[in-house]
PDB file of N, CA and C in Angstrom:
ATOM      1  N   MET A   1     142.933 113.727-282.374  1.00  0.00           N
ATOM      2  CA  MET A   1     144.233 113.507-281.765  1.00  0.00           C
ATOM      3  C   MET A   1     144.409 111.998-281.564  1.00  0.00           C
ATOM      4  N   ARG A   2     145.626 111.537-281.721  1.00  0.00           N
ATOM      5  CA  ARG A   2     145.942 110.127-281.496  1.00  0.00           C
ATOM      6  C   ARG A   2     145.814 109.789-280.016  1.00  0.00           C
ATOM      7  N   ILE A   3     145.391 108.567-279.731  1.00  0.00           N
ATOM      8  CA  ILE A   3     145.203 108.145-278.336  1.00  0.00           C
ATOM      9  C   ILE A   3     146.512 108.168-277.551  1.00  0.00           C
ATOM     10  N   ASP A   4     147.621 107.750-278.174  1.00  0.00           N
ATOM     11  CA  ASP A   4     148.890 107.739-277.433  1.00  0.00           C
ATOM     12  C   ASP A   4     149.316 109.155-277.059  1.00  0.00           C
ATOM     13  N   LYS A   5     149.086 110.110-277.948  1.00  0.00           N
ATOM     14  CA  LYS A   5     149.424 111.499-277.643  1.00  0.00           C
ATOM     15  C   LYS A   5     148.492 112.057-276.564  1.00  0.00           C
ATOM     16  N   PHE A   6     147.202 111.739-276.626  1.00  0.00           N
ATOM     17  CA  PHE A   6     146.266 112.209-275.611  1.00  0.00           C
ATOM     18  C   PHE A   6     146.664 111.699-274.221  1.00  0.00           C
ATOM     19  N   LEU A   7     147.009 110.422-274.129  1.00  0.00           N
ATOM     20  CA  LEU A   7     147.393 109.854-272.838  1.00  0.00           C
ATOM     21  C   LEU A   7     148.616 110.556-272.270  1.00  0.00           C
ATOM     22  N   LYS A   8     149.533 110.973-273.128  1.00  0.00           N
ATOM     23  CA  LYS A   8     150.734 111.677-272.684  1.00  0.00           C
ATOM     24  C   LYS A   8     150.422 113.131-272.318  1.00  0.00           C
ATOM     25  N   VAL A   9     149.712 113.848-273.182  1.00  0.00           N
ATOM     26  CA  VAL A   9     149.408 115.266-272.946  1.00  0.00           C
ATOM     27  C   VAL A   9     148.560 115.439-271.691  1.00  0.00           C
ATOM     28  N   SER A  10     147.605 114.520-271.474  1.00  0.00           N
ATOM     29  CA  SER A  10     146.740 114.606-270.299  1.00  0.00           C
ATOM     30  C   SER A  10     147.430 114.084-269.036  1.00  0.00           C
ATOM     31  N   ARG A  11     148.627 113.548-269.214  1.00  0.00           N
ATOM     32  CA  ARG A  11     149.451 113.028-268.124  1.00  0.00           C
ATOM     33  C   ARG A  11     148.832 111.821-267.413  1.00  0.00           C
ATOM     34  N   ILE A  12     148.006 111.072-268.132  1.00  0.00           N
ATOM     35  CA  ILE A  12     147.512 109.798-267.611  1.00  0.00           C
ATOM     36  C   ILE A  12     148.660 108.803-267.635  1.00  0.00           C
ATOM     37  N   ILE A  13     149.441 108.843-268.710  1.00  0.00           N
ATOM     38  CA  ILE A  13     150.675 108.068-268.831  1.00  0.00           C
ATOM     39  C   ILE A  13     151.780 109.080-269.117  1.00  0.00           C
ATOM     40  N   LYS A  14     152.896 108.972-268.411  1.00  0.00           N
ATOM     41  CA  LYS A  14     153.908 110.032-268.446  1.00  0.00           C
ATOM     42  C   LYS A  14     154.718 110.121-269.724  1.00  0.00           C
ATOM     43  N   ARG A  15     154.898 109.009-270.434  1.00  0.00           N
ATOM     44  CA  ARG A  15     155.713 109.039-271.656  1.00  0.00           C
ATOM     45  C   ARG A  15     154.921 108.500-272.823  1.00  0.00           C
ATOM     46  N   ARG A  16     155.087 109.138-273.977  1.00  0.00           N
ATOM     47  CA  ARG A  16     154.342 108.715-275.158  1.00  0.00           C
ATOM     48  C   ARG A  16     154.758 107.322-275.613  1.00  0.00           C
ATOM     49  N   THR A  17     156.019 106.977-275.469  1.00  0.00           N
ATOM     50  CA  THR A  17     156.447 105.635-275.877  1.00  0.00           C
ATOM     51  C   THR A  17     155.769 104.567-275.017  1.00  0.00           C
ATOM     52  N   VAL A  18     155.592 104.849-273.742  1.00  0.00           N
ATOM     53  CA  VAL A  18     154.900 103.904-272.854  1.00  0.00           C
ATOM     54  C   VAL A  18     153.424 103.825-273.251  1.00  0.00           C
ATOM     55  N   ALA A  19     152.803 104.961-273.544  1.00  0.00           N
ATOM     56  CA  ALA A  19     151.412 104.973-273.989  1.00  0.00           C
ATOM     57  C   ALA A  19     151.260 104.176-275.280  1.00  0.00           C
ATOM     58  N   ASN A  20     152.220 104.319-276.187  1.00  0.00           N
ATOM     59  CA  ASN A  20     152.216 103.576-277.441  1.00  0.00           C
ATOM     60  C   ASN A  20     152.287 102.076-277.172  1.00  0.00           C
ATOM     61  N   GLU A  21     153.169 101.658-276.269  1.00  0.00           N
ATOM     62  CA  GLU A  21     153.326 100.234-275.941  1.00  0.00           C
ATOM     63  C   GLU A  21     152.073  99.662-275.284  1.00  0.00           C
ATOM     64  N   VAL A  22     151.440 100.445-274.397  1.00  0.00           N
ATOM     65  CA  VAL A  22     150.225  99.988-273.716  1.00  0.00           C
ATOM     66  C   VAL A  22     149.109  99.773-274.736  1.00  0.00           C
ATOM     67  N   CYS A  23     148.968 100.686-275.676  1.00  0.00           N
ATOM     68  CA  CYS A  23     147.956 100.541-276.723  1.00  0.00           C
ATOM     69  C   CYS A  23     148.256  99.341-277.614  1.00  0.00           C
ATOM     70  N   ALA A  24     149.506  99.194-278.007  1.00  0.00           N
ATOM     71  CA  ALA A  24     149.905  98.094-278.889  1.00  0.00           C
ATOM     72  C   ALA A  24     149.706  96.738-278.219  1.00  0.00           C
ATOM     73  N   ALA A  25     149.780  96.703-276.888  1.00  0.00           N
ATOM     74  CA  ALA A  25     149.598  95.454-276.148  1.00  0.00           C
ATOM     75  C   ALA A  25     148.119  95.098-275.976  1.00  0.00           C
ATOM     76  N   GLY A  26     147.220  95.957-276.443  1.00  0.00           N
ATOM     77  CA  GLY A  26     145.795  95.668-276.360  1.00  0.00           C
ATOM     78  C   GLY A  26     145.170  95.987-275.015  1.00  0.00           C
ATOM     79  N   ARG A  27     145.808  96.841-274.233  1.00  0.00           N
ATOM     80  CA  ARG A  27     145.303  97.163-272.896  1.00  0.00           C
ATOM     81  C   ARG A  27     144.467  98.437-272.863  1.00  0.00           C
ATOM     82  N   VAL A  28     144.214  99.041-274.039  1.00  0.00           N
ATOM     83  CA  VAL A  28     143.420 100.267-274.120  1.00  0.00           C
ATOM     84  C   VAL A  28     142.276 100.046-275.106  1.00  0.00           C
ATOM     85  N   SER A  29     141.076 100.499-274.707  1.00  0.00           N
ATOM     86  CA  SER A  29     139.947 100.462-275.634  1.00  0.00           C
ATOM     87  C   SER A  29     139.270 101.822-275.637  1.00  0.00           C
ATOM     88  N   VAL A  30     138.735 102.183-276.796  1.00  0.00           N
ATOM     89  CA  VAL A  30     138.008 103.439-276.959  1.00  0.00           C
ATOM     90  C   VAL A  30     136.587 103.080-277.373  1.00  0.00           C
ATOM     91  N   ASN A  31     135.628 103.525-276.565  1.00  0.00           N
ATOM     92  CA  ASN A  31     134.216 103.240-276.812  1.00  0.00           C
ATOM     93  C   ASN A  31     133.967 101.740-276.996  1.00  0.00           C
ATOM     94  N   GLY A  32     134.651 100.924-276.203  1.00  0.00           N
ATOM     95  CA  GLY A  32     134.432  99.482-276.221  1.00  0.00           C
ATOM     96  C   GLY A  32     135.200  98.711-277.275  1.00  0.00           C
ATOM     97  N   ARG A  33     136.001  99.391-278.089  1.00  0.00           N
ATOM     98  CA  ARG A  33     136.773  98.712-279.132  1.00  0.00           C
ATOM     99  C   ARG A  33     138.255  98.824-278.825  1.00  0.00           C
ATOM    100  N   PRO A  34     139.018  97.759-279.032  1.00  0.00           N
ATOM    101  CA  PRO A  34     140.470  97.849-278.812  1.00  0.00           C
ATOM    102  C   PRO A  34     141.072  98.974-279.655  1.00  0.00           C
ATOM    103  N   ALA A  35     142.013  99.709-279.059  1.00  0.00           N
ATOM    104  CA  ALA A  35     142.579 100.878-279.738  1.00  0.00           C
ATOM    105  C   ALA A  35     144.054 100.691-280.037  1.00  0.00           C
ATOM    106  N   LYS A  36     144.426 100.932-281.277  1.00  0.00           N
ATOM    107  CA  LYS A  36     145.831 100.983-281.653  1.00  0.00           C
ATOM    108  C   LYS A  36     146.362 102.352-281.240  1.00  0.00           C
ATOM    109  N   PRO A  37     147.686 102.517-281.161  1.00  0.00           N
ATOM    110  CA  PRO A  37     148.243 103.820-280.772  1.00  0.00           C
ATOM    111  C   PRO A  37     147.812 104.965-281.681  1.00  0.00           C
ATOM    112  N   SER A  38     147.479 104.678-282.923  1.00  0.00           N
ATOM    113  CA  SER A  38     147.105 105.731-283.867  1.00  0.00           C
ATOM    114  C   SER A  38     145.613 106.025-283.881  1.00  0.00           C
ATOM    115  N   ALA A  39     144.829 105.360-283.023  1.00  0.00           N
ATOM    116  CA  ALA A  39     143.387 105.581-282.999  1.00  0.00           C
ATOM    117  C   ALA A  39     143.084 107.033-282.649  1.00  0.00           C
ATOM    118  N   GLU A  40     142.150 107.620-283.391  1.00  0.00           N
ATOM    119  CA  GLU A  40     141.761 109.010-283.154  1.00  0.00           C
ATOM    120  C   GLU A  40     140.701 109.067-282.063  1.00  0.00           C
ATOM    121  N   ILE A  41     140.826 110.056-281.189  1.00  0.00           N
ATOM    122  CA  ILE A  41     139.828 110.252-280.146  1.00  0.00           C
ATOM    123  C   ILE A  41     139.230 111.641-280.284  1.00  0.00           C
ATOM    124  N   ALA A  42     138.053 111.808-279.701  1.00  0.00           N
ATOM    125  CA  ALA A  42     137.361 113.100-279.732  1.00  0.00           C
ATOM    126  C   ALA A  42     136.690 113.316-278.380  1.00  0.00           C
ATOM    127  N   GLU A  43     136.213 114.522-278.167  1.00  0.00           N
ATOM    128  CA  GLU A  43     135.511 114.820-276.925  1.00  0.00           C
ATOM    129  C   GLU A  43     134.302 113.910-276.784  1.00  0.00           C
ATOM    130  N   GLY A  44     134.085 113.413-275.568  1.00  0.00           N
ATOM    131  CA  GLY A  44     132.963 112.530-275.300  1.00  0.00           C
ATOM    132  C   GLY A  44     133.304 111.053-275.379  1.00  0.00           C
ATOM    133  N   ASP A  45     134.459 110.700-275.932  1.00  0.00           N
ATOM    134  CA  ASP A  45     134.850 109.296-276.017  1.00  0.00           C
ATOM    135  C   ASP A  45     135.143 108.729-274.632  1.00  0.00           C
ATOM    136  N   ARG A  46     134.898 107.426-274.500  1.00  0.00           N
ATOM    137  CA  ARG A  46     135.217 106.717-273.266  1.00  0.00           C
ATOM    138  C   ARG A  46     136.463 105.871-273.525  1.00  0.00           C
ATOM    139  N   ILE A  47     137.448 106.003-272.632  1.00  0.00           N
ATOM    140  CA  ILE A  47     138.689 105.246-272.760  1.00  0.00           C
ATOM    141  C   ILE A  47     138.809 104.334-271.549  1.00  0.00           C
ATOM    142  N   ASP A  48     139.044 103.046-271.781  1.00  0.00           N
ATOM    143  CA  ASP A  48     139.280 102.074-270.721  1.00  0.00           C
ATOM    144  C   ASP A  48     140.727 101.615-270.815  1.00  0.00           C
ATOM    145  N   ILE A  49     141.446 101.697-269.686  1.00  0.00           N
ATOM    146  CA  ILE A  49     142.858 101.320-269.646  1.00  0.00           C
ATOM    147  C   ILE A  49     143.055 100.267-268.573  1.00  0.00           C
ATOM    148  N   ALA A  50     143.650  99.125-268.953  1.00  0.00           N
ATOM    149  CA  ALA A  50     143.930  98.059-267.997  1.00  0.00           C
ATOM    150  C   ALA A  50     145.268  98.339-267.328  1.00  0.00           C
ATOM    151  N   PHE A  51     145.215  98.638-266.037  1.00  0.00           N
ATOM    152  CA  PHE A  51     146.415  98.860-265.222  1.00  0.00           C
ATOM    153  C   PHE A  51     146.480  97.734-264.199  1.00  0.00           C
ATOM    154  N   GLY A  52     147.517  96.917-264.242  1.00  0.00           N
ATOM    155  CA  GLY A  52     147.651  95.842-263.252  1.00  0.00           C
ATOM    156  C   GLY A  52     146.448  94.924-263.274  1.00  0.00           C
ATOM    157  N   ASN A  53     145.768  94.796-262.114  1.00  0.00           N
ATOM    158  CA  ASN A  53     144.611  93.911-262.014  1.00  0.00           C
ATOM    159  C   ASN A  53     143.288  94.610-262.266  1.00  0.00           C
ATOM    160  N   GLY A  54     143.297  95.921-262.417  1.00  0.00           N
ATOM    161  CA  GLY A  54     142.061  96.667-262.582  1.00  0.00           C
ATOM    162  C   GLY A  54     142.005  97.432-263.887  1.00  0.00           C
ATOM    163  N   THR A  55     140.866  98.047-264.103  1.00  0.00           N
ATOM    164  CA  THR A  55     140.664  98.863-265.293  1.00  0.00           C
ATOM    165  C   THR A  55     140.196 100.245-264.861  1.00  0.00           C
ATOM    166  N   THR A  56     140.769 101.268-265.459  1.00  0.00           N
ATOM    167  CA  THR A  56     140.365 102.636-265.207  1.00  0.00           C
ATOM    168  C   THR A  56     139.613 103.139-266.430  1.00  0.00           C
ATOM    169  N   SER A  57     138.454 103.739-266.191  1.00  0.00           N
ATOM    170  CA  SER A  57     137.641 104.283-267.275  1.00  0.00           C
ATOM    171  C   SER A  57     137.600 105.795-267.150  1.00  0.00           C
ATOM    172  N   ILE A  58     137.811 106.461-268.276  1.00  0.00           N
ATOM    173  CA  ILE A  58     137.769 107.921-268.283  1.00  0.00           C
ATOM    174  C   ILE A  58     136.919 108.410-269.448  1.00  0.00           C
ATOM    175  N   ARG A  59     136.372 109.614-269.300  1.00  0.00           N
ATOM    176  CA  ARG A  59     135.629 110.275-270.366  1.00  0.00           C
ATOM    177  C   ARG A  59     136.463 111.464-270.819  1.00  0.00           C
ATOM    178  N   VAL A  60     136.662 111.605-272.121  1.00  0.00           N
ATOM    179  CA  VAL A  60     137.433 112.713-272.684  1.00  0.00           C
ATOM    180  C   VAL A  60     136.560 113.973-272.656  1.00  0.00           C
ATOM    181  N   LEU A  61     137.033 115.012-271.966  1.00  0.00           N
ATOM    182  CA  LEU A  61     136.296 116.272-271.883  1.00  0.00           C
ATOM    183  C   LEU A  61     136.790 117.301-272.889  1.00  0.00           C
ATOM    184  N   SER A  62     138.100 117.300-273.160  1.00  0.00           N
ATOM    185  CA  SER A  62     138.645 118.219-274.153  1.00  0.00           C
ATOM    186  C   SER A  62     139.900 117.617-274.764  1.00  0.00           C
ATOM    187  N   VAL A  63     140.174 118.038-275.984  1.00  0.00           N
ATOM    188  CA  VAL A  63     141.344 117.559-276.710  1.00  0.00           C
ATOM    189  C   VAL A  63     142.180 118.786-277.064  1.00  0.00           C
ATOM    190  N   LYS A  64     143.378 118.879-276.479  1.00  0.00           N
ATOM    191  CA  LYS A  64     144.285 120.000-276.727  1.00  0.00           C
ATOM    192  C   LYS A  64     145.667 119.448-277.040  1.00  0.00           C
ATOM    193  N   ASP A  65     146.381 120.098-277.957  1.00  0.00           N
ATOM    194  CA  ASP A  65     147.723 119.638-278.320  1.00  0.00           C
ATOM    195  C   ASP A  65     148.737 119.873-277.210  1.00  0.00           C
ATOM    196  N   THR A  66     148.591 120.977-276.500  1.00  0.00           N
ATOM    197  CA  THR A  66     149.483 121.268-275.386  1.00  0.00           C
ATOM    198  C   THR A  66     148.644 121.784-274.222  1.00  0.00           C
ATOM    199  N   VAL A  67     149.102 121.507-273.027  1.00  0.00           N
ATOM    200  CA  VAL A  67     148.393 121.948-271.837  1.00  0.00           C
ATOM    201  C   VAL A  67     149.382 122.039-270.685  1.00  0.00           C
ATOM    202  N   ARG A  68     149.159 122.995-269.811  1.00  0.00           N
ATOM    203  CA  ARG A  68     150.011 123.125-268.633  1.00  0.00           C
ATOM    204  C   ARG A  68     149.733 121.985-267.669  1.00  0.00           C
ATOM    205  N   LYS A  69     150.714 121.631-266.888  1.00  0.00           N
ATOM    206  CA  LYS A  69     150.593 120.522-265.948  1.00  0.00           C
ATOM    207  C   LYS A  69     149.379 120.691-265.033  1.00  0.00           C
ATOM    208  N   GLU A  70     149.144 121.914-264.572  1.00  0.00           N
ATOM    209  CA  GLU A  70     148.047 122.184-263.655  1.00  0.00           C
ATOM    210  C   GLU A  70     146.681 121.984-264.307  1.00  0.00           C
ATOM    211  N   ASP A  71     146.608 122.134-265.631  1.00  0.00           N
ATOM    212  CA  ASP A  71     145.337 122.046-266.344  1.00  0.00           C
ATOM    213  C   ASP A  71     145.107 120.697-267.010  1.00  0.00           C
ATOM    214  N   ALA A  72     146.060 119.795-266.924  1.00  0.00           N
ATOM    215  CA  ALA A  72     145.955 118.509-267.613  1.00  0.00           C
ATOM    216  C   ALA A  72     144.760 117.697-267.122  1.00  0.00           C
ATOM    217  N   GLN A  73     144.447 117.775-265.844  1.00  0.00           N
ATOM    218  CA  GLN A  73     143.358 116.987-265.285  1.00  0.00           C
ATOM    219  C   GLN A  73     141.989 117.446-265.788  1.00  0.00           C
ATOM    220  N   ASP A  74     141.918 118.652-266.336  1.00  0.00           N
ATOM    221  CA  ASP A  74     140.658 119.159-266.879  1.00  0.00           C
ATOM    222  C   ASP A  74     140.321 118.554-268.240  1.00  0.00           C
ATOM    223  N   MET A  75     141.228 117.767-268.809  1.00  0.00           N
ATOM    224  CA  MET A  75     141.005 117.161-270.109  1.00  0.00           C
ATOM    225  C   MET A  75     140.158 115.898-270.029  1.00  0.00           C
ATOM    226  N   TYR A  76     139.956 115.343-268.832  1.00  0.00           N
ATOM    227  CA  TYR A  76     139.227 114.092-268.691  1.00  0.00           C
ATOM    228  C   TYR A  76     138.567 114.021-267.322  1.00  0.00           C
ATOM    229  N   GLU A  77     137.622 113.074-267.195  1.00  0.00           N
ATOM    230  CA  GLU A  77     137.046 112.767-265.896  1.00  0.00           C
ATOM    231  C   GLU A  77     137.122 111.259-265.705  1.00  0.00           C
ATOM    232  N   ILE A  78     137.422 110.856-264.493  1.00  0.00           N
ATOM    233  CA  ILE A  78     137.474 109.435-264.170  1.00  0.00           C
ATOM    234  C   ILE A  78     136.054 108.978-263.865  1.00  0.00           C
ATOM    235  N   LEU A  79     135.628 107.914-264.527  1.00  0.00           N
ATOM    236  CA  LEU A  79     134.277 107.400-264.344  1.00  0.00           C
ATOM    237  C   LEU A  79     134.251 106.408-263.179  1.00  0.00           C
ATOM    238  N   PRO A  80     133.143 106.346-262.453  1.00  0.00           N
ATOM    239  CA  PRO A  80     133.032 105.383-261.353  1.00  0.00           C
ATOM    240  C   PRO A  80     133.189 103.958-261.878  1.00  0.00           C
ATOM    241  N   ARG A  81     133.738 103.098-261.050  1.00  0.00           N
ATOM    242  CA  ARG A  81     134.028 101.727-261.443  1.00  0.00           C
ATOM    243  C   ARG A  81     132.782 100.969-261.881  1.00  0.00           C
ATOM    244  N   ASP A  82     131.680 101.142-261.169  1.00  0.00           N
ATOM    245  CA  ASP A  82     130.471 100.377-261.466  1.00  0.00           C
ATOM    246  C   ASP A  82     129.398 101.273-262.079  1.00  0.00           C
ATOM    247  N   SER A  83     129.807 102.174-262.973  1.00  0.00           N
ATOM    248  CA  SER A  83     128.843 103.090-263.577  1.00  0.00           C
ATOM    249  C   SER A  83     127.866 102.351-264.504  1.00  0.00           C
ATOM    250  N   GLY A  84     128.302 101.206-265.060  1.00  0.00           N
ATOM    251  CA  GLY A  84     127.443 100.434-265.946  1.00  0.00           C
ATOM    252  C   GLY A  84     127.103 101.152-267.237  1.00  0.00           C
ATOM    253  N   GLU A  85     127.759 102.256-267.501  1.00  0.00           N
ATOM    254  CA  GLU A  85     127.474 103.043-268.681  1.00  0.00           C
ATOM    255  C   GLU A  85     127.943 102.318-269.925  1.00  0.00           C
ATOM    256  N   ARG A  86     127.105 102.246-270.911  1.00  0.00           N
ATOM    257  CA  ARG A  86     127.457 101.602-272.178  1.00  0.00           C
ATOM    258  C   ARG A  86     127.357 102.630-273.292  1.00  0.00           C
ATOM    259  N   ILE A  87     128.260 102.521-274.217  1.00  0.00           N
ATOM    260  CA  ILE A  87     128.236 103.442-275.358  1.00  0.00           C
ATOM    261  C   ILE A  87     128.060 102.652-276.634  1.00  0.00           C
TER     262      ILE A  87
END
């Protein structure tokens, strides 16, 4: 699945066009590499998103084309800020 679509479906970012712009601006990385909006993601990938002055890191738990609002949070887990985890 494309990263921009994943960010929208998982409701991390509410609109796909905004997710596309964030990726194009270089504020998203997948497994430590800058990600274009068309970058493919899979389960287990780590996504880092620069929001404002901080960065949010998440681990992809599942990839689904559609999901109910209540189940969207089950698609990822937020990683602790100082996890020091490297991939």
